[in-house]
Amino acid sequence: IAQNQDAAGDAQSAMVTCQQVVTQFPKSYAAPIAAYTEAEILLRGFQIDEARRSFNMVVSQFPTSPAARMSSGQLSRLGGQVPQAPQQ
């Protein structure tokens, strides 16, 4: 839903949807994807500090997810400090 909202030009609604998914379904498969999508929307909106915080949150809350790996890559490109995922 959030991706459709974003594609339709409604980034604000997409971000709200992403936040709802993370808050209401934090253990779901969709939660890290929603959190990453929110960070990407912030980045596209040139809200760099907020995007960096969101990417960091994805890495810390969902360390084993593909979204965490993508977030780490974005943090590296942004020059942000990349948190270390716990060893498995």
PDB file of N, CA and C in Angstrom:
ATOM      1  N   ILE A   1       0.833  -1.193   0.000  1.00  0.00           N
ATOM      2  CA  ILE A   1       0.000   0.000   0.000  1.00  0.00           C
ATOM      3  C   ILE A   1       0.872   1.250   0.000  1.00  0.00           C
ATOM      4  N   ALA A   2       1.889   1.263   0.873  1.00  0.00           N
ATOM      5  CA  ALA A   2       2.752   2.447   0.976  1.00  0.00           C
ATOM      6  C   ALA A   2       3.456   2.728  -0.342  1.00  0.00           C
ATOM      7  N   GLN A   3       3.914   1.680  -1.015  1.00  0.00           N
ATOM      8  CA  GLN A   3       4.603   1.889  -2.283  1.00  0.00           C
ATOM      9  C   GLN A   3       3.655   2.465  -3.330  1.00  0.00           C
ATOM     10  N   ASN A   4       2.404   2.025  -3.319  1.00  0.00           N
ATOM     11  CA  ASN A   4       1.416   2.589  -4.244  1.00  0.00           C
ATOM     12  C   ASN A   4       1.146   4.050  -3.926  1.00  0.00           C
ATOM     13  N   GLN A   5       1.035   4.371  -2.639  1.00  0.00           N
ATOM     14  CA  GLN A   5       0.817   5.760  -2.241  1.00  0.00           C
ATOM     15  C   GLN A   5       1.988   6.627  -2.682  1.00  0.00           C
ATOM     16  N   ASP A   6       3.192   6.119  -2.481  1.00  0.00           N
ATOM     17  CA  ASP A   6       4.383   6.870  -2.867  1.00  0.00           C
ATOM     18  C   ASP A   6       4.434   7.063  -4.377  1.00  0.00           C
ATOM     19  N   ALA A   7       4.134   6.000  -5.120  1.00  0.00           N
ATOM     20  CA  ALA A   7       4.153   6.087  -6.582  1.00  0.00           C
ATOM     21  C   ALA A   7       3.108   7.076  -7.098  1.00  0.00           C
ATOM     22  N   ALA A   8       2.019   7.230  -6.351  1.00  0.00           N
ATOM     23  CA  ALA A   8       0.969   8.178  -6.735  1.00  0.00           C
ATOM     24  C   ALA A   8       1.305   9.603  -6.311  1.00  0.00           C
ATOM     25  N   GLY A   9       2.476   9.780  -5.710  1.00  0.00           N
ATOM     26  CA  GLY A   9       2.906  11.118  -5.321  1.00  0.00           C
ATOM     27  C   GLY A   9       2.488  11.536  -3.929  1.00  0.00           C
ATOM     28  N   ASP A  10       2.002  10.600  -3.139  1.00  0.00           N
ATOM     29  CA  ASP A  10       1.564  10.917  -1.780  1.00  0.00           C
ATOM     30  C   ASP A  10       2.561  10.342  -0.771  1.00  0.00           C
ATOM     31  N   ALA A  11       3.740  10.946  -0.729  1.00  0.00           N
ATOM     32  CA  ALA A  11       4.809  10.458   0.141  1.00  0.00           C
ATOM     33  C   ALA A  11       4.414  10.526   1.612  1.00  0.00           C
ATOM     34  N   GLN A  12       3.681  11.549   1.997  1.00  0.00           N
ATOM     35  CA  GLN A  12       3.291  11.692   3.402  1.00  0.00           C
ATOM     36  C   GLN A  12       2.410  10.526   3.853  1.00  0.00           C
ATOM     37  N   SER A  13       1.421  10.169   3.050  1.00  0.00           N
ATOM     38  CA  SER A  13       0.563   9.026   3.394  1.00  0.00           C
ATOM     39  C   SER A  13       1.360   7.729   3.391  1.00  0.00           C
ATOM     40  N   ALA A  14       2.290   7.603   2.461  1.00  0.00           N
ATOM     41  CA  ALA A  14       3.134   6.411   2.407  1.00  0.00           C
ATOM     42  C   ALA A  14       3.953   6.277   3.683  1.00  0.00           C
ATOM     43  N   MET A  15       4.490   7.390   4.169  1.00  0.00           N
ATOM     44  CA  MET A  15       5.280   7.339   5.404  1.00  0.00           C
ATOM     45  C   MET A  15       4.409   6.953   6.596  1.00  0.00           C
ATOM     46  N   VAL A  16       3.195   7.477   6.660  1.00  0.00           N
ATOM     47  CA  VAL A  16       2.278   7.119   7.750  1.00  0.00           C
ATOM     48  C   VAL A  16       1.963   5.628   7.694  1.00  0.00           C
ATOM     49  N   THR A  17       1.710   5.108   6.503  1.00  0.00           N
ATOM     50  CA  THR A  17       1.434   3.685   6.346  1.00  0.00           C
ATOM     51  C   THR A  17       2.624   2.852   6.802  1.00  0.00           C
ATOM     52  N   CYS A  18       3.825   3.253   6.420  1.00  0.00           N
ATOM     53  CA  CYS A  18       5.034   2.537   6.836  1.00  0.00           C
ATOM     54  C   CYS A  18       5.160   2.529   8.354  1.00  0.00           C
ATOM     55  N   GLN A  19       4.950   3.675   8.975  1.00  0.00           N
ATOM     56  CA  GLN A  19       5.040   3.769  10.433  1.00  0.00           C
ATOM     57  C   GLN A  19       4.006   2.873  11.107  1.00  0.00           C
ATOM     58  N   GLN A  20       2.807   2.803  10.547  1.00  0.00           N
ATOM     59  CA  GLN A  20       1.764   1.947  11.112  1.00  0.00           C
ATOM     60  C   GLN A  20       2.153   0.476  11.030  1.00  0.00           C
ATOM     61  N   VAL A  21       2.732   0.068   9.918  1.00  0.00           N
ATOM     62  CA  VAL A  21       3.150  -1.330   9.767  1.00  0.00           C
ATOM     63  C   VAL A  21       4.206  -1.671  10.809  1.00  0.00           C
ATOM     64  N   VAL A  22       5.202  -0.806  10.965  1.00  0.00           N
ATOM     65  CA  VAL A  22       6.284  -1.062  11.922  1.00  0.00           C
ATOM     66  C   VAL A  22       5.743  -1.093  13.347  1.00  0.00           C
ATOM     67  N   THR A  23       4.830  -0.190  13.668  1.00  0.00           N
ATOM     68  CA  THR A  23       4.282  -0.105  15.024  1.00  0.00           C
ATOM     69  C   THR A  23       3.312  -1.245  15.330  1.00  0.00           C
ATOM     70  N   GLN A  24       2.424  -1.535  14.403  1.00  0.00           N
ATOM     71  CA  GLN A  24       1.375  -2.521  14.660  1.00  0.00           C
ATOM     72  C   GLN A  24       1.808  -3.964  14.405  1.00  0.00           C
ATOM     73  N   PHE A  25       2.788  -4.148  13.531  1.00  0.00           N
ATOM     74  CA  PHE A  25       3.224  -5.503  13.167  1.00  0.00           C
ATOM     75  C   PHE A  25       4.752  -5.600  13.190  1.00  0.00           C
ATOM     76  N   PRO A  26       5.384  -5.289  14.330  1.00  0.00           N
ATOM     77  CA  PRO A  26       6.850  -5.202  14.373  1.00  0.00           C
ATOM     78  C   PRO A  26       7.581  -6.517  14.095  1.00  0.00           C
ATOM     79  N   LYS A  27       6.926  -7.634  14.265  1.00  0.00           N
ATOM     80  CA  LYS A  27       7.575  -8.930  14.034  1.00  0.00           C
ATOM     81  C   LYS A  27       7.239  -9.519  12.668  1.00  0.00           C
ATOM     82  N   SER A  28       6.498  -8.775  11.872  1.00  0.00           N
ATOM     83  CA  SER A  28       6.102  -9.278  10.558  1.00  0.00           C
ATOM     84  C   SER A  28       7.241  -9.145   9.554  1.00  0.00           C
ATOM     85  N   TYR A  29       7.117  -9.901   8.475  1.00  0.00           N
ATOM     86  CA  TYR A  29       8.083  -9.808   7.385  1.00  0.00           C
ATOM     87  C   TYR A  29       8.062  -8.414   6.770  1.00  0.00           C
ATOM     88  N   ALA A  30       6.901  -7.762   6.800  1.00  0.00           N
ATOM     89  CA  ALA A  30       6.744  -6.450   6.169  1.00  0.00           C
ATOM     90  C   ALA A  30       7.366  -5.308   6.969  1.00  0.00           C
ATOM     91  N   ALA A  31       7.570  -5.485   8.261  1.00  0.00           N
ATOM     92  CA  ALA A  31       8.053  -4.384   9.104  1.00  0.00           C
ATOM     93  C   ALA A  31       9.399  -3.817   8.651  1.00  0.00           C
ATOM     94  N   PRO A  32      10.439  -4.635   8.434  1.00  0.00           N
ATOM     95  CA  PRO A  32      11.704  -4.040   7.991  1.00  0.00           C
ATOM     96  C   PRO A  32      11.606  -3.400   6.609  1.00  0.00           C
ATOM     97  N   ILE A  33      10.788  -3.964   5.744  1.00  0.00           N
ATOM     98  CA  ILE A  33      10.602  -3.381   4.413  1.00  0.00           C
ATOM     99  C   ILE A  33       9.926  -2.018   4.532  1.00  0.00           C
ATOM    100  N   ALA A  34       8.921  -1.939   5.394  1.00  0.00           N
ATOM    101  CA  ALA A  34       8.224  -0.667   5.603  1.00  0.00           C
ATOM    102  C   ALA A  34       9.167   0.377   6.190  1.00  0.00           C
ATOM    103  N   ALA A  35       9.985  -0.025   7.154  1.00  0.00           N
ATOM    104  CA  ALA A  35      10.926   0.915   7.765  1.00  0.00           C
ATOM    105  C   ALA A  35      11.947   1.401   6.739  1.00  0.00           C
ATOM    106  N   TYR A  36      12.423   0.492   5.902  1.00  0.00           N
ATOM    107  CA  TYR A  36      13.374   0.873   4.854  1.00  0.00           C
ATOM    108  C   TYR A  36      12.710   1.807   3.841  1.00  0.00           C
ATOM    109  N   THR A  37      11.475   1.508   3.474  1.00  0.00           N
ATOM    110  CA  THR A  37      10.748   2.358   2.527  1.00  0.00           C
ATOM    111  C   THR A  37      10.597   3.766   3.081  1.00  0.00           C
ATOM    112  N   GLU A  38      10.282   3.870   4.360  1.00  0.00           N
ATOM    113  CA  GLU A  38      10.164   5.192   4.984  1.00  0.00           C
ATOM    114  C   GLU A  38      11.492   5.950   4.897  1.00  0.00           C
ATOM    115  N   ALA A  39      12.592   5.269   5.180  1.00  0.00           N
ATOM    116  CA  ALA A  39      13.907   5.912   5.106  1.00  0.00           C
ATOM    117  C   ALA A  39      14.215   6.376   3.684  1.00  0.00           C
ATOM    118  N   GLU A  40      13.859   5.570   2.698  1.00  0.00           N
ATOM    119  CA  GLU A  40      14.085   5.948   1.300  1.00  0.00           C
ATOM    120  C   GLU A  40      13.267   7.185   0.916  1.00  0.00           C
ATOM    121  N   ILE A  41      12.029   7.246   1.396  1.00  0.00           N
ATOM    122  CA  ILE A  41      11.191   8.416   1.113  1.00  0.00           C
ATOM    123  C   ILE A  41      11.820   9.663   1.728  1.00  0.00           C
ATOM    124  N   LEU A  42      12.306   9.539   2.953  1.00  0.00           N
ATOM    125  CA  LEU A  42      12.975  10.671   3.602  1.00  0.00           C
ATOM    126  C   LEU A  42      14.207  11.094   2.807  1.00  0.00           C
ATOM    127  N   LEU A  43      14.976  10.130   2.339  1.00  0.00           N
ATOM    128  CA  LEU A  43      16.184  10.429   1.575  1.00  0.00           C
ATOM    129  C   LEU A  43      15.832  11.153   0.276  1.00  0.00           C
ATOM    130  N   ARG A  44      14.830  10.670  -0.420  1.00  0.00           N
ATOM    131  CA  ARG A  44      14.409  11.331  -1.663  1.00  0.00           C
ATOM    132  C   ARG A  44      13.909  12.748  -1.414  1.00  0.00           C
ATOM    133  N   GLY A  45      13.385  12.982  -0.217  1.00  0.00           N
ATOM    134  CA  GLY A  45      12.912  14.313   0.145  1.00  0.00           C
ATOM    135  C   GLY A  45      14.013  15.189   0.714  1.00  0.00           C
ATOM    136  N   PHE A  46      15.265  14.735   0.595  1.00  0.00           N
ATOM    137  CA  PHE A  46      16.442  15.467   1.065  1.00  0.00           C
ATOM    138  C   PHE A  46      16.415  15.719   2.570  1.00  0.00           C
ATOM    139  N   GLN A  47      15.746  14.860   3.301  1.00  0.00           N
ATOM    140  CA  GLN A  47      15.754  14.915   4.762  1.00  0.00           C
ATOM    141  C   GLN A  47      16.829  13.934   5.235  1.00  0.00           C
ATOM    142  N   ILE A  48      18.070  14.323   4.990  1.00  0.00           N
ATOM    143  CA  ILE A  48      19.206  13.419   5.149  1.00  0.00           C
ATOM    144  C   ILE A  48      19.364  12.924   6.580  1.00  0.00           C
ATOM    145  N   ASP A  49      19.317  13.819   7.555  1.00  0.00           N
ATOM    146  CA  ASP A  49      19.494  13.394   8.948  1.00  0.00           C
ATOM    147  C   ASP A  49      18.396  12.427   9.379  1.00  0.00           C
ATOM    148  N   GLU A  50      17.166  12.726   8.997  1.00  0.00           N
ATOM    149  CA  GLU A  50      16.055  11.843   9.342  1.00  0.00           C
ATOM    150  C   GLU A  50      16.194  10.495   8.639  1.00  0.00           C
ATOM    151  N   ALA A  51      16.618  10.522   7.386  1.00  0.00           N
ATOM    152  CA  ALA A  51      16.832   9.276   6.645  1.00  0.00           C
ATOM    153  C   ALA A  51      17.924   8.451   7.307  1.00  0.00           C
ATOM    154  N   ARG A  52      19.000   9.111   7.700  1.00  0.00           N
ATOM    155  CA  ARG A  52      20.105   8.412   8.361  1.00  0.00           C
ATOM    156  C   ARG A  52      19.612   7.745   9.651  1.00  0.00           C
ATOM    157  N   ARG A  53      18.806   8.463  10.444  1.00  0.00           N
ATOM    158  CA  ARG A  53      18.260   7.880  11.678  1.00  0.00           C
ATOM    159  C   ARG A  53      17.372   6.674  11.358  1.00  0.00           C
ATOM    160  N   SER A  54      16.577   6.793  10.318  1.00  0.00           N
ATOM    161  CA  SER A  54      15.690   5.688   9.943  1.00  0.00           C
ATOM    162  C   SER A  54      16.474   4.473   9.459  1.00  0.00           C
ATOM    163  N   PHE A  55      17.506   4.695   8.646  1.00  0.00           N
ATOM    164  CA  PHE A  55      18.340   3.570   8.201  1.00  0.00           C
ATOM    165  C   PHE A  55      19.018   2.903   9.398  1.00  0.00           C
ATOM    166  N   ASN A  56      19.490   3.703  10.350  1.00  0.00           N
ATOM    167  CA  ASN A  56      20.098   3.148  11.562  1.00  0.00           C
ATOM    168  C   ASN A  56      19.090   2.312  12.343  1.00  0.00           C
ATOM    169  N   MET A  57      17.854   2.782  12.421  1.00  0.00           N
ATOM    170  CA  MET A  57      16.817   2.045  13.127  1.00  0.00           C
ATOM    171  C   MET A  57      16.559   0.694  12.462  1.00  0.00           C
ATOM    172  N   VAL A  58      16.553   0.669  11.141  1.00  0.00           N
ATOM    173  CA  VAL A  58      16.338  -0.597  10.429  1.00  0.00           C
ATOM    174  C   VAL A  58      17.441  -1.587  10.792  1.00  0.00           C
ATOM    175  N   VAL A  59      18.686  -1.118  10.790  1.00  0.00           N
ATOM    176  CA  VAL A  59      19.818  -1.999  11.100  1.00  0.00           C
ATOM    177  C   VAL A  59      19.737  -2.495  12.541  1.00  0.00           C
ATOM    178  N   SER A  60      19.383  -1.615  13.470  1.00  0.00           N
ATOM    179  CA  SER A  60      19.369  -2.023  14.877  1.00  0.00           C
ATOM    180  C   SER A  60      18.150  -2.875  15.237  1.00  0.00           C
ATOM    181  N   GLN A  61      16.985  -2.587  14.663  1.00  0.00           N
ATOM    182  CA  GLN A  61      15.779  -3.342  15.019  1.00  0.00           C
ATOM    183  C   GLN A  61      15.578  -4.611  14.197  1.00  0.00           C
ATOM    184  N   PHE A  62      16.121  -4.642  12.997  1.00  0.00           N
ATOM    185  CA  PHE A  62      15.925  -5.789  12.102  1.00  0.00           C
ATOM    186  C   PHE A  62      17.276  -6.248  11.530  1.00  0.00           C
ATOM    187  N   PRO A  63      18.245  -6.568  12.387  1.00  0.00           N
ATOM    188  CA  PRO A  63      19.628  -6.778  11.935  1.00  0.00           C
ATOM    189  C   PRO A  63      19.839  -7.921  10.950  1.00  0.00           C
ATOM    190  N   THR A  64      18.965  -8.900  10.932  1.00  0.00           N
ATOM    191  CA  THR A  64      19.175 -10.039  10.028  1.00  0.00           C
ATOM    192  C   THR A  64      18.357  -9.941   8.744  1.00  0.00           C
ATOM    193  N   SER A  65      17.649  -8.849   8.574  1.00  0.00           N
ATOM    194  CA  SER A  65      16.784  -8.706   7.399  1.00  0.00           C
ATOM    195  C   SER A  65      17.556  -8.182   6.188  1.00  0.00           C
ATOM    196  N   PRO A  66      17.075  -8.484   4.991  1.00  0.00           N
ATOM    197  CA  PRO A  66      17.666  -7.875   3.797  1.00  0.00           C
ATOM    198  C   PRO A  66      17.594  -6.348   3.846  1.00  0.00           C
ATOM    199  N   ALA A  67      16.546  -5.810   4.467  1.00  0.00           N
ATOM    200  CA  ALA A  67      16.418  -4.352   4.586  1.00  0.00           C
ATOM    201  C   ALA A  67      17.561  -3.768   5.412  1.00  0.00           C
ATOM    202  N   ALA A  68      18.057  -4.514   6.394  1.00  0.00           N
ATOM    203  CA  ALA A  68      19.192  -4.040   7.197  1.00  0.00           C
ATOM    204  C   ALA A  68      20.450  -3.954   6.336  1.00  0.00           C
ATOM    205  N   ARG A  69      20.656  -4.930   5.472  1.00  0.00           N
ATOM    206  CA  ARG A  69      21.826  -4.884   4.581  1.00  0.00           C
ATOM    207  C   ARG A  69      21.722  -3.702   3.623  1.00  0.00           C
ATOM    208  N   MET A  70      20.530  -3.473   3.090  1.00  0.00           N
ATOM    209  CA  MET A  70      20.350  -2.333   2.184  1.00  0.00           C
ATOM    210  C   MET A  70      20.524  -1.018   2.941  1.00  0.00           C
ATOM    211  N   SER A  71      20.045  -0.969   4.172  1.00  0.00           N
ATOM    212  CA  SER A  71      20.195   0.238   4.990  1.00  0.00           C
ATOM    213  C   SER A  71      21.659   0.505   5.295  1.00  0.00           C
ATOM    214  N   SER A  72      22.418  -0.538   5.586  1.00  0.00           N
ATOM    215  CA  SER A  72      23.856  -0.372   5.831  1.00  0.00           C
ATOM    216  C   SER A  72      24.542   0.213   4.607  1.00  0.00           C
ATOM    217  N   GLY A  73      24.143  -0.259   3.437  1.00  0.00           N
ATOM    218  CA  GLY A  73      24.704   0.284   2.202  1.00  0.00           C
ATOM    219  C   GLY A  73      24.374   1.753   2.033  1.00  0.00           C
ATOM    220  N   GLN A  74      23.146   2.119   2.326  1.00  0.00           N
ATOM    221  CA  GLN A  74      22.760   3.529   2.222  1.00  0.00           C
ATOM    222  C   GLN A  74      23.531   4.372   3.234  1.00  0.00           C
ATOM    223  N   LEU A  75      23.699   3.863   4.446  1.00  0.00           N
ATOM    224  CA  LEU A  75      24.454   4.609   5.458  1.00  0.00           C
ATOM    225  C   LEU A  75      25.897   4.809   5.020  1.00  0.00           C
ATOM    226  N   SER A  76      26.477   3.804   4.403  1.00  0.00           N
ATOM    227  CA  SER A  76      27.850   3.944   3.901  1.00  0.00           C
ATOM    228  C   SER A  76      27.920   5.030   2.839  1.00  0.00           C
ATOM    229  N   ARG A  77      26.954   5.045   1.938  1.00  0.00           N
ATOM    230  CA  ARG A  77      26.932   6.070   0.892  1.00  0.00           C
ATOM    231  C   ARG A  77      26.699   7.463   1.466  1.00  0.00           C
ATOM    232  N   LEU A  78      25.931   7.537   2.544  1.00  0.00           N
ATOM    233  CA  LEU A  78      25.644   8.827   3.173  1.00  0.00           C
ATOM    234  C   LEU A  78      26.764   9.281   4.109  1.00  0.00           C
ATOM    235  N   GLY A  79      27.734   8.416   4.314  1.00  0.00           N
ATOM    236  CA  GLY A  79      28.820   8.764   5.224  1.00  0.00           C
ATOM    237  C   GLY A  79      28.414   8.647   6.678  1.00  0.00           C
ATOM    238  N   GLY A  80      27.347   7.920   6.926  1.00  0.00           N
ATOM    239  CA  GLY A  80      26.891   7.743   8.302  1.00  0.00           C
ATOM    240  C   GLY A  80      27.598   6.588   8.964  1.00  0.00           C
ATOM    241  N   GLN A  81      27.564   6.600  10.270  1.00  0.00           N
ATOM    242  CA  GLN A  81      28.146   5.505  11.022  1.00  0.00           C
ATOM    243  C   GLN A  81      27.219   4.306  10.906  1.00  0.00           C
ATOM    244  N   VAL A  82      27.765   3.186  10.487  1.00  0.00           N
ATOM    245  CA  VAL A  82      26.966   1.986  10.292  1.00  0.00           C
ATOM    246  C   VAL A  82      27.060   1.135  11.548  1.00  0.00           C
ATOM    247  N   PRO A  83      25.938   0.907  12.240  1.00  0.00           N
ATOM    248  CA  PRO A  83      25.985   0.059  13.428  1.00  0.00           C
ATOM    249  C   PRO A  83      26.301  -1.376  13.037  1.00  0.00           C
ATOM    250  N   GLN A  84      26.974  -2.067  13.914  1.00  0.00           N
ATOM    251  CA  GLN A  84      27.332  -3.456  13.660  1.00  0.00           C
ATOM    252  C   GLN A  84      26.189  -4.364  14.077  1.00  0.00           C
ATOM    253  N   ALA A  85      25.819  -5.259  13.190  1.00  0.00           N
ATOM    254  CA  ALA A  85      24.790  -6.243  13.518  1.00  0.00           C
ATOM    255  C   ALA A  85      25.397  -7.272  14.460  1.00  0.00           C
ATOM    256  N   PRO A  86      24.608  -7.807  15.376  1.00  0.00           N
ATOM    257  CA  PRO A  86      25.133  -8.819  16.289  1.00  0.00           C
ATOM    258  C   PRO A  86      25.567 -10.064  15.529  1.00  0.00           C
ATOM    259  N   GLN A  87      26.604 -10.703  16.026  1.00  0.00           N
ATOM    260  CA  GLN A  87      27.101 -11.930  15.407  1.00  0.00           C
ATOM    261  C   GLN A  87      26.116 -13.055  15.658  1.00  0.00           C
ATOM    262  N   GLN A  88      25.943 -13.900  14.646  1.00  0.00           N
ATOM    263  CA  GLN A  88      24.999 -15.018  14.786  1.00  0.00           C
ATOM    264  C   GLN A  88      25.737 -16.285  15.093  1.00  0.00           C
TER     265      GLN A  88
END
